[in-house]
Amino acid sequence: MVKTRKNVWELGGDWADPILWYARGVKAMQSRPLSDPTAWRFYGAIHGIDRRLWTQLGFLSSGNQLPPNDTIKTYWQQCQHGSWYFLPWHRGYVLAFEAVVRDAVVKLGGPADWAIPYWNYFKPNQNQLPPAFASPDWPDGQGDNPLFVAQRFGPNNDGNVFVPMDQVDQNALGDSQFIGASDGGSPGFGGVNTGFRQELLDGKVSLVATISDLFRSQKRQLGLDTPLLKQTVVNTRDSRITYIGLTYRFGAPPKKQKEEQMRYENGD
């Protein structure tokens, strides 16, 4: 079955069916406990969680049942930034999130081919946050719209949410290298090669992986333009290198500092 993501601004209405079903699916996820791997907050914690801030905003309380510690270590706080792994990780994250929402949509009687709408703010007059995400009400005027987040303050901190087009561009799309070098030059379309590290067995074992020039895009171009000679030379080399290493730390691991205790003022 083909599932097609469509432009949120071109669905035929502020609350077109794909958006309405999206809201219903999100509402179902929000009703699940934090310990449920398909819950809205669980998916938020996969991307990152600040427990103090979550408590302050009412997303976490002492009455919430947390997942087992091994589940938290495996799935929470996994967001990748600042390297080539940013795009692959987030693509998988959105794909998994979309599948959970779709499952909720289908269970509510919605279409089996539902797909999450996308927001292309580079199109003319489409850089404003779509209306369904900017209103606290459902289309019937009733409150509790799950797509609305009061903490979206906007660039001017006035609640008007939009993308300032003078601060974004698509220059990265013209970069022929996906993975760039961290020691100068182009960072690449996907980001610099920082490698990947995963700790196992409470930090005693570390798995390290580094990939260099995955798509053989590293090249050097030299140009000569004089009245007597015009020449362009492009040098490429097969520099694809994959390194996978395993390290083991002997002895007792360093003692962790005692984590700051959290207090709850609402008594939940």
Foldseek 3Di string as FASTA:
>chain_A
DAADAAACVPQPDLCHPLNVLLQQLLVVLCVDACQDCLHPVVLVQLQNDDPVVCQVVVNDDPPGDHHDPVCSLVRGNNADDAFLVNVVVVVVSQVVNQVSSLVSSVVVVHDNSRGHYDQDLVPPPRQWDRPLLLDQADPVRHGNRSSYDQPQQDPVRNSGHGDDPVVDDDVLVPFQASEDDPPDDDLHSSGHWPWDWDAPDVRQKIKTKTWDRPPQRDKDWDWDDDPVDTDIDIDGDPPTDIDIDMHGHDDDDDDDDDDDDDDHDVND
